[in-house]
C-alpha atoms as a PDB file:
ATOM      1  CA  MET A   1      43.155 -22.790  13.065  1.00  0.00           C
ATOM      2  CA  PRO A   2      42.945 -25.744  10.595  1.00  0.00           C
ATOM      3  CA  TYR A   3      39.678 -26.220   8.735  1.00  0.00           C
ATOM      4  CA  LYS A   4      37.515 -28.914  10.253  1.00  0.00           C
ATOM      5  CA  LYS A   5      35.143 -30.706   7.927  1.00  0.00           C
ATOM      6  CA  GLU A   6      31.597 -30.867   9.214  1.00  0.00           C
ATOM      7  CA  SER A   7      29.986 -34.205   9.857  1.00  0.00           C
ATOM      8  CA  GLY A   8      27.062 -35.552   7.888  1.00  0.00           C
ATOM      9  CA  ALA A   9      24.594 -34.733  10.666  1.00  0.00           C
ATOM     10  CA  GLN A  10      25.924 -31.177  10.903  1.00  0.00           C
ATOM     11  CA  GLY A  11      25.604 -30.762   7.145  1.00  0.00           C
ATOM     12  CA  ARG A  12      22.015 -32.013   7.132  1.00  0.00           C
ATOM     13  CA  LYS A  13      21.182 -29.720  10.033  1.00  0.00           C
ATOM     14  CA  ARG A  14      22.723 -26.703   8.240  1.00  0.00           C
ATOM     15  CA  ARG A  15      20.878 -27.477   4.986  1.00  0.00           C
ATOM     16  CA  LYS A  16      17.606 -27.899   6.903  1.00  0.00           C
ATOM     17  CA  ILE A  17      18.032 -24.466   8.518  1.00  0.00           C
ATOM     18  CA  GLU A  18      18.807 -22.855   5.137  1.00  0.00           C
ATOM     19  CA  THR A  19      15.739 -24.517   3.591  1.00  0.00           C
ATOM     20  CA  GLU A  20      13.537 -23.207   6.407  1.00  0.00           C
ATOM     21  CA  GLN A  21      14.977 -19.706   5.975  1.00  0.00           C
ATOM     22  CA  GLN A  22      14.257 -19.834   2.245  1.00  0.00           C
ATOM     23  CA  ALA A  23      10.664 -20.904   2.929  1.00  0.00           C
ATOM     24  CA  LYS A  24      10.180 -18.028   5.401  1.00  0.00           C
ATOM     25  CA  LEU A  25      11.587 -15.491   2.956  1.00  0.00           C
ATOM     26  CA  ALA A  26       9.621 -16.794  -0.032  1.00  0.00           C
ATOM     27  CA  GLY A  27       7.654 -13.921  -1.522  1.00  0.00           C
ATOM     28  CA  SER A  28       8.811 -11.441   1.122  1.00  0.00           C
ATOM     29  CA  LEU A  29      10.386  -9.112  -1.444  1.00  0.00           C
ATOM     30  CA  HIS A  30       7.505  -9.072  -3.919  1.00  0.00           C
ATOM     31  CA  ARG A  31       6.089  -5.912  -2.360  1.00  0.00           C
ATOM     32  CA  PHE A  32       9.434  -4.145  -2.791  1.00  0.00           C
ATOM     33  CA  LEU A  33      10.181  -5.150  -6.391  1.00  0.00           C
ATOM     34  CA  VAL A  34       8.438  -4.371  -9.659  1.00  0.00           C
ATOM     35  CA  SER A  35       7.786  -7.250 -12.049  1.00  0.00           C
ATOM     36  CA  THR A  36      10.107  -7.296 -15.055  1.00  0.00           C
ATOM     37  CA  ALA A  37       7.779  -9.339 -17.247  1.00  0.00           C
ATOM     38  CA  GLU A  38       7.739  -8.041 -20.778  1.00  0.00           C
ATOM     39  CA  ILE A  39       4.519  -6.511 -22.013  1.00  0.00           C
ATOM     40  CA  THR A  40       3.290  -7.951 -25.294  1.00  0.00           C
ATOM     41  CA  ALA A  41       4.021  -5.482 -28.076  1.00  0.00           C
ATOM     42  CA  GLY A  42       1.012  -4.071 -29.928  1.00  0.00           C
ATOM     43  CA  PRO A  43       0.696  -2.722 -33.474  1.00  0.00           C
ATOM     44  CA  SER A  44       2.911   0.243 -32.575  1.00  0.00           C
ATOM     45  CA  SER A  45       5.815  -1.947 -31.381  1.00  0.00           C
ATOM     46  CA  ALA A  46       8.081  -0.294 -33.926  1.00  0.00           C
ATOM     47  CA  ALA A  47       7.870   2.971 -32.005  1.00  0.00           C
ATOM     48  CA  PRO A  48      10.779   3.734 -29.677  1.00  0.00           C
ATOM     49  CA  GLN A  49      10.177   2.481 -26.156  1.00  0.00           C
ATOM     50  CA  GLU A  50      10.577   4.682 -23.139  1.00  0.00           C
ATOM     51  CA  THR A  51      13.486   3.626 -20.930  1.00  0.00           C
ATOM     52  CA  ARG A  52      13.221   3.781 -17.172  1.00  0.00           C
ATOM     53  CA  ASN A  53      16.038   4.392 -14.779  1.00  0.00           C
ATOM     54  CA  PRO A  54      16.513   1.143 -12.799  1.00  0.00           C
ATOM     55  CA  TYR A  55      17.593   3.154  -9.743  1.00  0.00           C
ATOM     56  CA  PRO A  56      14.772   5.356  -8.429  1.00  0.00           C
ATOM     57  CA  VAL A  57      16.046   8.385  -6.562  1.00  0.00           C
ATOM     58  CA  SER A  58      15.564   8.626  -2.803  1.00  0.00           C
ATOM     59  CA  VAL A  59      13.191  11.310  -1.670  1.00  0.00           C
ATOM     60  CA  ASP A  60      15.874  12.754   0.586  1.00  0.00           C
ATOM     61  CA  ILE A  61      18.228  13.672  -2.287  1.00  0.00           C
ATOM     62  CA  PRO A  62      17.217  16.530  -4.636  1.00  0.00           C
ATOM     63  CA  VAL A  63      18.286  15.413  -8.121  1.00  0.00           C
ATOM     64  CA  PRO A  64      16.590  17.638 -10.743  1.00  0.00           C
ATOM     65  CA  ALA A  65      17.006  15.120 -13.577  1.00  0.00           C
ATOM     66  CA  LEU A  66      15.018  12.488 -11.687  1.00  0.00           C
ATOM     67  CA  GLU A  67      12.632  14.712  -9.739  1.00  0.00           C
ATOM     68  CA  ALA A  68       9.668  12.710 -11.019  1.00  0.00           C
ATOM     69  CA  GLU A  69      10.743   9.777  -8.868  1.00  0.00           C
ATOM     70  CA  ARG A  70      10.220  11.754  -5.652  1.00  0.00           C
ATOM     71  CA  VAL A  71       7.247  11.063  -3.396  1.00  0.00           C
ATOM     72  CA  SER A  72       5.329  14.238  -2.732  1.00  0.00           C
ATOM     73  CA  SER A  73       2.855  14.911   0.034  1.00  0.00           C
ATOM     74  CA  LYS A  74       0.044  15.051  -2.513  1.00  0.00           C
ATOM     75  CA  ASP A  75       0.813  11.523  -3.758  1.00  0.00           C
ATOM     76  CA  PHE A  76       1.064  10.131  -0.256  1.00  0.00           C
ATOM     77  CA  TYR A  77      -2.663   9.775   0.271  1.00  0.00           C
ATOM     78  CA  THR A  78      -2.976   7.624  -2.840  1.00  0.00           C
ATOM     79  CA  GLN A  79      -0.922   4.923  -1.136  1.00  0.00           C
ATOM     80  CA  PRO A  80      -2.127   4.596   2.459  1.00  0.00           C
ATOM     81  CA  ASN A  81      -0.507   2.089   4.794  1.00  0.00           C
ATOM     82  CA  LEU A  82      -3.581  -0.090   5.204  1.00  0.00           C
ATOM     83  CA  PRO A  83      -3.550  -3.592   6.712  1.00  0.00           C
ATOM     84  CA  GLU A  84      -3.021  -6.296   4.100  1.00  0.00           C
ATOM     85  CA  ASN A  85      -6.102  -8.267   5.233  1.00  0.00           C
ATOM     86  CA  ILE A  86      -8.585  -5.481   4.400  1.00  0.00           C
ATOM     87  CA  ASP A  87     -11.396  -6.758   2.190  1.00  0.00           C
ATOM     88  CA  GLN A  88     -11.611  -4.538  -0.893  1.00  0.00           C
ATOM     89  CA  LYS A  89     -15.402  -4.880  -0.801  1.00  0.00           C
ATOM     90  CA  VAL A  90     -15.545  -2.333   2.038  1.00  0.00           C
ATOM     91  CA  TYR A  91     -14.874   0.373  -0.568  1.00  0.00           C
ATOM     92  CA  THR A  92     -17.875  -0.588  -2.720  1.00  0.00           C
ATOM     93  CA  ASP A  93     -20.475  -1.911  -0.269  1.00  0.00           C
ATOM     94  CA  ILE A  94     -21.066  -0.535   3.215  1.00  0.00           C
ATOM     95  CA  GLY A  95     -22.591  -3.875   4.208  1.00  0.00           C
ATOM     96  CA  TYR A  96     -19.053  -5.326   4.398  1.00  0.00           C
ATOM     97  CA  TRP A  97     -17.843  -2.755   6.914  1.00  0.00           C
ATOM     98  CA  PRO A  98     -16.489  -4.278  10.153  1.00  0.00           C
ATOM     99  CA  GLU A  99     -18.170  -3.520  13.456  1.00  0.00           C
ATOM    100  CA  THR A 100     -15.125  -1.559  14.645  1.00  0.00           C
ATOM    101  CA  MET A 101     -12.774   0.412  12.390  1.00  0.00           C
ATOM    102  CA  ASP A 102      -9.420   1.997  13.109  1.00  0.00           C
ATOM    103  CA  GLU A 103      -8.640   5.576  12.168  1.00  0.00           C
ATOM    104  CA  THR A 104      -6.560   4.522   9.158  1.00  0.00           C
ATOM    105  CA  LEU A 105      -9.503   2.803   7.466  1.00  0.00           C
ATOM    106  CA  LYS A 106     -11.844   5.676   8.336  1.00  0.00           C
ATOM    107  CA  THR A 107      -9.414   8.160   6.792  1.00  0.00           C
ATOM    108  CA  GLU A 108      -9.146   6.089   3.619  1.00  0.00           C
ATOM    109  CA  LEU A 109     -12.935   5.801   3.304  1.00  0.00           C
ATOM    110  CA  VAL A 110     -13.308   9.567   3.686  1.00  0.00           C
ATOM    111  CA  ARG A 111     -10.572  10.150   1.136  1.00  0.00           C
ATOM    112  CA  ARG A 112     -12.264   7.868  -1.423  1.00  0.00           C
ATOM    113  CA  GLY A 113     -15.686   9.456  -0.962  1.00  0.00           C
ATOM    114  CA  THR A 114     -19.128   7.923  -1.418  1.00  0.00           C
ATOM    115  CA  GLU A 115     -19.439   7.676  -5.191  1.00  0.00           C
ATOM    116  CA  GLU A 116     -18.653   3.937  -5.299  1.00  0.00           C
ATOM    117  CA  LEU A 117     -20.490   3.177  -2.064  1.00  0.00           C
ATOM    118  CA  GLN A 118     -23.748   4.746  -3.257  1.00  0.00           C
ATOM    119  CA  ASN A 119     -24.329   2.040  -5.901  1.00  0.00           C
ATOM    120  CA  LYS A 120     -26.815   4.230  -7.740  1.00  0.00           C
ATOM    121  CA  ASP A 121     -26.929   1.819 -10.684  1.00  0.00           C
ATOM    122  CA  ALA A 122     -27.388  -1.320  -8.595  1.00  0.00           C
ATOM    123  CA  TRP A 123     -30.392  -3.642  -8.764  1.00  0.00           C
ATOM    124  CA  PHE A 124     -32.898  -2.836  -5.999  1.00  0.00           C
ATOM    125  CA  PRO A 125     -34.843  -5.980  -5.019  1.00  0.00           C
ATOM    126  CA  ARG A 126     -38.427  -5.732  -3.771  1.00  0.00           C
ATOM    127  CA  ASP A 127     -39.498  -6.699  -0.258  1.00  0.00           C
ATOM    128  CA  SER A 128     -42.512  -8.777   0.766  1.00  0.00           C
ATOM    129  CA  ASN A 129     -44.765  -5.733   0.263  1.00  0.00           C
ATOM    130  CA  GLY A 130     -43.573  -5.260  -3.318  1.00  0.00           C
ATOM    131  CA  ARG A 131     -41.615  -2.088  -2.453  1.00  0.00           C
ATOM    132  CA  SER A 132     -37.953  -1.364  -3.151  1.00  0.00           C
ATOM    133  CA  PHE A 133     -35.335   1.327  -2.909  1.00  0.00           C
ATOM    134  CA  SER A 134     -35.015   3.653  -5.895  1.00  0.00           C
ATOM    135  CA  LYS A 135     -32.384   5.856  -7.480  1.00  0.00           C
ATOM    136  CA  TYR A 136     -34.854   8.703  -6.966  1.00  0.00           C
ATOM    137  CA  TRP A 137     -34.000   8.889  -3.246  1.00  0.00           C
ATOM    138  CA  PHE A 138     -30.359   9.743  -3.870  1.00  0.00           C
ATOM    139  CA  TYR A 139     -31.497  13.256  -4.786  1.00  0.00           C
ATOM    140  CA  LEU A 140     -33.096  15.946  -2.645  1.00  0.00           C
ATOM    141  CA  HIS A 141     -35.846  17.642  -4.634  1.00  0.00           C
ATOM    142  CA  LEU A 142     -36.090  21.319  -3.754  1.00  0.00           C
ATOM    143  CA  ASP A 143     -39.137  23.546  -4.022  1.00  0.00           C
ATOM    144  CA  ASN A 144     -37.641  25.459  -6.975  1.00  0.00           C
ATOM    145  CA  SER A 145     -37.561  22.231  -9.045  1.00  0.00           C
ATOM    146  CA  GLU A 146     -33.808  21.826  -8.548  1.00  0.00           C
ATOM    147  CA  THR A 147     -32.251  18.598  -7.319  1.00  0.00           C
ATOM    148  CA  MET A 148     -29.239  18.091  -5.056  1.00  0.00           C
ATOM    149  CA  LEU A 149     -27.336  14.848  -4.625  1.00  0.00           C
ATOM    150  CA  ARG A 150     -27.470  13.320  -1.161  1.00  0.00           C
ATOM    151  CA  THR A 151     -23.778  12.432  -0.912  1.00  0.00           C
ATOM    152  CA  TRP A 152     -24.273  10.982   2.560  1.00  0.00           C
ATOM    153  CA  LEU A 153     -26.821   8.357   1.439  1.00  0.00           C
ATOM    154  CA  VAL A 154     -25.391   4.990   0.357  1.00  0.00           C
ATOM    155  CA  PHE A 155     -27.021   1.681  -0.590  1.00  0.00           C
ATOM    156  CA  SER A 156     -25.769  -1.816   0.272  1.00  0.00           C
ATOM    157  CA  PRO A 157     -26.689  -4.461  -2.332  1.00  0.00           C
ATOM    158  CA  VAL A 158     -25.589  -7.291  -0.029  1.00  0.00           C
ATOM    159  CA  ASN A 159     -27.957  -6.165   2.778  1.00  0.00           C
ATOM    160  CA  ASN A 160     -30.590  -4.510   0.561  1.00  0.00           C
ATOM    161  CA  ALA A 161     -30.554  -1.542   2.943  1.00  0.00           C
ATOM    162  CA  ALA A 162     -29.772   2.179   2.937  1.00  0.00           C
ATOM    163  CA  TYR A 163     -27.178   3.764   5.233  1.00  0.00           C
ATOM    164  CA  CYS A 164     -25.849   7.155   6.252  1.00  0.00           C
ATOM    165  CA  PHE A 165     -22.143   7.318   5.455  1.00  0.00           C
ATOM    166  CA  PRO A 166     -21.037   9.919   8.066  1.00  0.00           C
ATOM    167  CA  CYS A 167     -23.236   8.495  10.823  1.00  0.00           C
ATOM    168  CA  MET A 168     -21.802   5.008  10.294  1.00  0.00           C
ATOM    169  CA  LEU A 169     -18.295   6.452  10.610  1.00  0.00           C
ATOM    170  CA  PHE A 170     -18.644   8.991  13.415  1.00  0.00           C
ATOM    171  CA  GLN A 171     -22.040   8.605  15.129  1.00  0.00           C
ATOM    172  CA  LYS A 172     -22.768   4.886  14.781  1.00  0.00           C
ATOM    173  CA  ALA A 173     -25.830   3.687  16.745  1.00  0.00           C
ATOM    174  CA  LYS A 174     -26.113   7.027  18.595  1.00  0.00           C
ATOM    175  CA  GLY A 175     -29.470   8.026  17.147  1.00  0.00           C
ATOM    176  CA  LYS A 176     -32.843   6.361  16.786  1.00  0.00           C
ATOM    177  CA  SER A 177     -32.601   6.168  13.008  1.00  0.00           C
ATOM    178  CA  SER A 178     -31.650   2.882  11.371  1.00  0.00           C
ATOM    179  CA  PHE A 179     -29.524   4.726   8.794  1.00  0.00           C
ATOM    180  CA  GLY A 180     -26.654   4.792  11.295  1.00  0.00           C
ATOM    181  CA  LYS A 181     -26.935   1.179  12.499  1.00  0.00           C
ATOM    182  CA  SER A 182     -25.348  -2.035  11.219  1.00  0.00           C
ATOM    183  CA  SER A 183     -28.654  -3.415   9.960  1.00  0.00           C
ATOM    184  CA  GLY A 184     -29.419  -0.307   7.901  1.00  0.00           C
ATOM    185  CA  PHE A 185     -32.815   1.011   6.842  1.00  0.00           C
ATOM    186  CA  ASN A 186     -35.031  -1.184   4.655  1.00  0.00           C
ATOM    187  CA  ALA A 187     -38.601  -0.270   5.638  1.00  0.00           C
ATOM    188  CA  TRP A 188     -39.193   1.185   2.168  1.00  0.00           C
ATOM    189  CA  ARG A 189     -42.836   2.182   2.735  1.00  0.00           C
ATOM    190  CA  LYS A 190     -41.620   4.613   5.457  1.00  0.00           C
ATOM    191  CA  LEU A 191     -38.576   5.818   3.539  1.00  0.00           C
ATOM    192  CA  SER A 192     -39.826   9.290   2.578  1.00  0.00           C
ATOM    193  CA  PRO A 193     -40.573  10.640   6.092  1.00  0.00           C
ATOM    194  CA  ARG A 194     -37.673   8.798   7.754  1.00  0.00           C
ATOM    195  CA  LEU A 195     -35.205  10.150   5.198  1.00  0.00           C
ATOM    196  CA  LEU A 196     -36.142  13.769   5.877  1.00  0.00           C
ATOM    197  CA  GLU A 197     -36.269  13.131   9.610  1.00  0.00           C
ATOM    198  CA  HIS A 198     -32.773  11.676   9.615  1.00  0.00           C
ATOM    199  CA  GLU A 199     -31.028  14.348   7.550  1.00  0.00           C
ATOM    200  CA  ARG A 200     -32.494  17.069   9.780  1.00  0.00           C
ATOM    201  CA  SER A 201     -31.486  15.380  13.058  1.00  0.00           C
ATOM    202  CA  SER A 202     -28.794  16.893  15.260  1.00  0.00           C
ATOM    203  CA  TYR A 203     -26.576  13.792  15.399  1.00  0.00           C
ATOM    204  CA  HIS A 204     -26.621  13.506  11.595  1.00  0.00           C
ATOM    205  CA  LEU A 205     -25.683  17.174  11.175  1.00  0.00           C
ATOM    206  CA  SER A 206     -22.845  16.698  13.672  1.00  0.00           C
ATOM    207  CA  ALA A 207     -21.499  13.627  11.846  1.00  0.00           C
ATOM    208  CA  PHE A 208     -21.903  15.346   8.484  1.00  0.00           C
ATOM    209  CA  THR A 209     -19.845  18.321   9.710  1.00  0.00           C
ATOM    210  CA  ILE A 210     -17.078  16.055  11.036  1.00  0.00           C
ATOM    211  CA  TRP A 211     -17.004  14.211   7.708  1.00  0.00           C
ATOM    212  CA  LYS A 212     -16.745  17.323   5.539  1.00  0.00           C
ATOM    213  CA  GLU A 213     -14.114  18.949   7.774  1.00  0.00           C
ATOM    214  CA  LEU A 214     -11.936  15.829   7.646  1.00  0.00           C
ATOM    215  CA  GLU A 215     -12.435  15.556   3.885  1.00  0.00           C
ATOM    216  CA  MET A 216     -11.326  19.161   3.437  1.00  0.00           C
ATOM    217  CA  ARG A 217      -8.236  18.662   5.618  1.00  0.00           C
ATOM    218  CA  LEU A 218      -7.273  15.541   3.672  1.00  0.00           C
ATOM    219  CA  HIS A 219      -7.478  17.382   0.374  1.00  0.00           C
ATOM    220  CA  LYS A 220      -5.281  20.145   1.782  1.00  0.00           C
ATOM    221  CA  GLN A 221      -2.942  17.681   3.584  1.00  0.00           C
ATOM    222  CA  GLU A 222      -3.569  19.421   6.903  1.00  0.00           C
ATOM    223  CA  THR A 223      -4.388  16.444   9.137  1.00  0.00           C
ATOM    224  CA  ILE A 224      -2.613  16.236  12.480  1.00  0.00           C
ATOM    225  CA  ASP A 225      -0.534  13.161  11.583  1.00  0.00           C
ATOM    226  CA  ALA A 226       0.067  14.073   7.918  1.00  0.00           C
ATOM    227  CA  ALA A 227       3.677  15.132   8.522  1.00  0.00           C
ATOM    228  CA  ALA A 228       4.475  11.961  10.486  1.00  0.00           C
ATOM    229  CA  GLN A 229       2.870   9.739   7.861  1.00  0.00           C
ATOM    230  CA  LEU A 230       4.707  11.518   5.067  1.00  0.00           C
ATOM    231  CA  ALA A 231       8.034  11.072   6.864  1.00  0.00           C
ATOM    232  CA  GLN A 232       7.289   7.383   7.332  1.00  0.00           C
ATOM    233  CA  GLN A 233       6.468   6.977   3.641  1.00  0.00           C
ATOM    234  CA  ARG A 234       9.686   8.760   2.641  1.00  0.00           C
ATOM    235  CA  SER A 235      11.716   6.471   4.875  1.00  0.00           C
ATOM    236  CA  PHE A 236       9.995   3.445   3.322  1.00  0.00           C
ATOM    237  CA  GLU A 237      10.816   4.626  -0.208  1.00  0.00           C
ATOM    238  CA  LYS A 238      14.437   5.341   0.737  1.00  0.00           C
ATOM    239  CA  TRP A 239      15.093   1.881   2.191  1.00  0.00           C
ATOM    240  CA  LYS A 240      13.264   0.270  -0.708  1.00  0.00           C
ATOM    241  CA  ALA A 241      15.641   2.001  -3.130  1.00  0.00           C
ATOM    242  CA  ILE A 242      18.702   0.925  -1.078  1.00  0.00           C
ATOM    243  CA  LEU A 243      17.493  -2.671  -1.002  1.00  0.00           C
ATOM    244  CA  VAL A 244      17.095  -2.725  -4.794  1.00  0.00           C
ATOM    245  CA  ARG A 245      20.709  -1.587  -5.241  1.00  0.00           C
ATOM    246  CA  ILE A 246      22.084  -4.161  -2.788  1.00  0.00           C
ATOM    247  CA  LEU A 247      20.155  -6.931  -4.521  1.00  0.00           C
ATOM    248  CA  ASP A 248      21.411  -5.797  -7.926  1.00  0.00           C
ATOM    249  CA  CYS A 249      25.013  -6.058  -6.711  1.00  0.00           C
ATOM    250  CA  ILE A 250      24.391  -9.544  -5.317  1.00  0.00           C
ATOM    251  CA  LEU A 251      22.636 -10.753  -8.469  1.00  0.00           C
ATOM    252  CA  TYR A 252      25.427  -9.365 -10.661  1.00  0.00           C
ATOM    253  CA  LEU A 253      28.111 -11.230  -8.689  1.00  0.00           C
ATOM    254  CA  ALA A 254      25.977 -14.391  -8.700  1.00  0.00           C
ATOM    255  CA  ARG A 255      25.647 -14.283 -12.485  1.00  0.00           C
ATOM    256  CA  GLN A 256      29.427 -13.900 -12.774  1.00  0.00           C
ATOM    257  CA  THR A 257      29.944 -16.724 -10.208  1.00  0.00           C
ATOM    258  CA  LEU A 258      32.114 -14.432  -8.076  1.00  0.00           C
ATOM    259  CA  PRO A 259      32.449 -14.684  -4.294  1.00  0.00           C
ATOM    260  CA  LEU A 260      31.092 -11.841  -2.182  1.00  0.00           C
ATOM    261  CA  ARG A 261      33.439 -11.752   0.791  1.00  0.00           C
ATOM    262  CA  GLY A 262      36.980 -10.407   0.865  1.00  0.00           C
ATOM    263  CA  HIS A 263      39.800 -10.274   3.414  1.00  0.00           C
ATOM    264  CA  SER A 264      38.356  -7.181   5.105  1.00  0.00           C
ATOM    265  CA  GLU A 265      34.880  -5.740   5.675  1.00  0.00           C
ATOM    266  CA  ASP A 266      36.073  -2.319   6.851  1.00  0.00           C
ATOM    267  CA  LEU A 267      34.738   0.332   4.466  1.00  0.00           C
ATOM    268  CA  ASN A 268      37.018   3.007   5.939  1.00  0.00           C
ATOM    269  CA  THR A 269      40.198   1.340   4.687  1.00  0.00           C
ATOM    270  CA  ASP A 270      41.705   1.468   1.211  1.00  0.00           C
ATOM    271  CA  GLY A 271      42.249  -2.280   1.094  1.00  0.00           C
ATOM    272  CA  ASN A 272      40.221  -4.842  -0.807  1.00  0.00           C
ATOM    273  CA  CYS A 273      36.825  -5.245   0.875  1.00  0.00           C
ATOM    274  CA  GLY A 274      35.632  -8.074  -1.353  1.00  0.00           C
ATOM    275  CA  ASN A 275      33.636  -8.147  -4.558  1.00  0.00           C
ATOM    276  CA  PHE A 276      30.309  -7.225  -2.969  1.00  0.00           C
ATOM    277  CA  LEU A 277      31.475  -4.145  -1.061  1.00  0.00           C
ATOM    278  CA  GLU A 278      33.774  -3.014  -3.861  1.00  0.00           C
ATOM    279  CA  THR A 279      30.905  -3.271  -6.369  1.00  0.00           C
ATOM    280  CA  PHE A 280      28.681  -1.252  -4.094  1.00  0.00           C
ATOM    281  CA  LYS A 281      31.436   1.363  -3.625  1.00  0.00           C
ATOM    282  CA  LEU A 282      31.787   1.611  -7.417  1.00  0.00           C
ATOM    283  CA  LEU A 283      28.032   2.182  -7.692  1.00  0.00           C
ATOM    284  CA  THR A 284      28.269   5.139  -5.304  1.00  0.00           C
ATOM    285  CA  LYS A 285      30.286   7.090  -7.893  1.00  0.00           C
ATOM    286  CA  TYR A 286      27.264   7.287 -10.185  1.00  0.00           C
ATOM    287  CA  ASP A 287      24.218   6.791  -7.968  1.00  0.00           C
ATOM    288  CA  PRO A 288      23.272   9.389  -5.310  1.00  0.00           C
ATOM    289  CA  VAL A 289      21.154   6.978  -3.237  1.00  0.00           C
ATOM    290  CA  ALA A 290      23.993   4.474  -2.866  1.00  0.00           C
ATOM    291  CA  LYS A 291      26.423   7.310  -2.141  1.00  0.00           C
ATOM    292  CA  GLN A 292      24.256   8.709   0.647  1.00  0.00           C
ATOM    293  CA  HIS A 293      23.833   5.261   2.192  1.00  0.00           C
ATOM    294  CA  LEU A 294      27.594   4.590   2.070  1.00  0.00           C
ATOM    295  CA  HIS A 295      28.353   7.899   3.807  1.00  0.00           C
ATOM    296  CA  ARG A 296      25.829   7.102   6.523  1.00  0.00           C
ATOM    297  CA  VAL A 297      27.341   3.643   7.055  1.00  0.00           C
ATOM    298  CA  GLN A 298      30.872   5.047   7.245  1.00  0.00           C
ATOM    299  CA  ARG A 299      29.823   7.707   9.759  1.00  0.00           C
ATOM    300  CA  THR A 300      28.122   5.204  12.051  1.00  0.00           C
ATOM    301  CA  LEU A 301      30.952   2.671  11.657  1.00  0.00           C
ATOM    302  CA  CYS A 302      28.371   0.009  10.922  1.00  0.00           C
ATOM    303  CA  PRO A 303      29.553  -2.022   7.904  1.00  0.00           C
ATOM    304  CA  ILE A 304      27.113  -3.554   5.439  1.00  0.00           C
ATOM    305  CA  SER A 305      26.685  -6.912   7.134  1.00  0.00           C
ATOM    306  CA  LEU A 306      27.389 -10.035   5.121  1.00  0.00           C
ATOM    307  CA  TYR A 307      24.672 -11.689   7.195  1.00  0.00           C
ATOM    308  CA  ARG A 308      22.181  -9.294   5.600  1.00  0.00           C
ATOM    309  CA  ALA A 309      23.706 -10.065   2.219  1.00  0.00           C
ATOM    310  CA  ARG A 310      23.280 -13.790   2.926  1.00  0.00           C
ATOM    311  CA  MET A 311      19.636 -13.249   3.861  1.00  0.00           C
ATOM    312  CA  SER A 312      19.164 -11.282   0.635  1.00  0.00           C
ATOM    313  CA  ILE A 313      20.669 -14.151  -1.357  1.00  0.00           C
ATOM    314  CA  LEU A 314      18.281 -16.608   0.285  1.00  0.00           C
ATOM    315  CA  ALA A 315      15.346 -14.320  -0.522  1.00  0.00           C
ATOM    316  CA  CYS A 316      16.487 -14.012  -4.162  1.00  0.00           C
ATOM    317  CA  SER A 317      16.842 -17.784  -4.459  1.00  0.00           C
ATOM    318  CA  ALA A 318      13.345 -18.237  -3.018  1.00  0.00           C
ATOM    319  CA  ILE A 319      11.896 -15.803  -5.561  1.00  0.00           C
ATOM    320  CA  THR A 320      13.793 -17.498  -8.407  1.00  0.00           C
ATOM    321  CA  PHE A 321      12.532 -20.905  -7.263  1.00  0.00           C
ATOM    322  CA  GLU A 322       8.929 -19.652  -7.143  1.00  0.00           C
ATOM    323  CA  GLN A 323       9.182 -18.130 -10.623  1.00  0.00           C
ATOM    324  CA  SER A 324      10.752 -21.264 -12.119  1.00  0.00           C
ATOM    325  CA  SER A 325       8.121 -23.491 -10.495  1.00  0.00           C
ATOM    326  CA  PHE A 326       5.386 -21.243 -11.907  1.00  0.00           C
ATOM    327  CA  LYS A 327       6.864 -21.485 -15.427  1.00  0.00           C
ATOM    328  CA  ILE A 328       7.194 -25.285 -15.205  1.00  0.00           C
ATOM    329  CA  SER A 329       3.618 -25.715 -13.978  1.00  0.00           C
END
């Protein structure tokens, strides 16, 4: 079929669609890629620099030489899949906690503990009666002159109120005490009796037990959904590594001003599959992640789509445009 040149309106329409696709993909790969900005050399710049393998190994392939790149179950809980719109202040001030929390945020708060939330070194403002909270109340003073830290007690500088960490998580508003309510406790002249009354109450002891049991299970990676979350994280790391390799092939061909597509896109034939697929096939000889992905694609008879490659090119161009605009400005 002879080639038919597109009209001016068709060309403008095509360019408009490509521009919209670039705008949608702008910044979408930043969470997958590590910045390559050079770090300013210090006085010891003459020392040999450590080189990093540009192709991290997938967690599904045991390669002893690059075992450090694997994601273990112990490291999983340091990178929880939290919503992107979470305010980081919730980890330092209980006053910023939302009224309702999902289990993911509760798990992360338990994992982090109460050290930051206690704000023991914060400024404690006085009320109208000239009274204020004090660092003294963070400790339980025993009869034998020993002191024990009240890990459950936290202070909110933004609300100028004291709270019970486990009750706010697991028994919120179930007791009469203000320590487990959104407003918190700030009647400082009644703090001493109310503090002892609260920590001896049944609902506080129940919440405290739930908190410590969950904390222990998290440290031992024995939560019910730990295996499912770990599998999800491994899958994320694997596809992240594959995406990096595909983008490297595309960027290499772009720098050499070489076309991507060939006469055939069938990976199971010995013919020429085009520069992009042939470059990726060459990479599989030396990289285990690319090799595993190629075998999976060949088994499922699902070729590496040039549409996906085109989308990757648009994403790369959007990132390049953003970086160049930032340098110009």
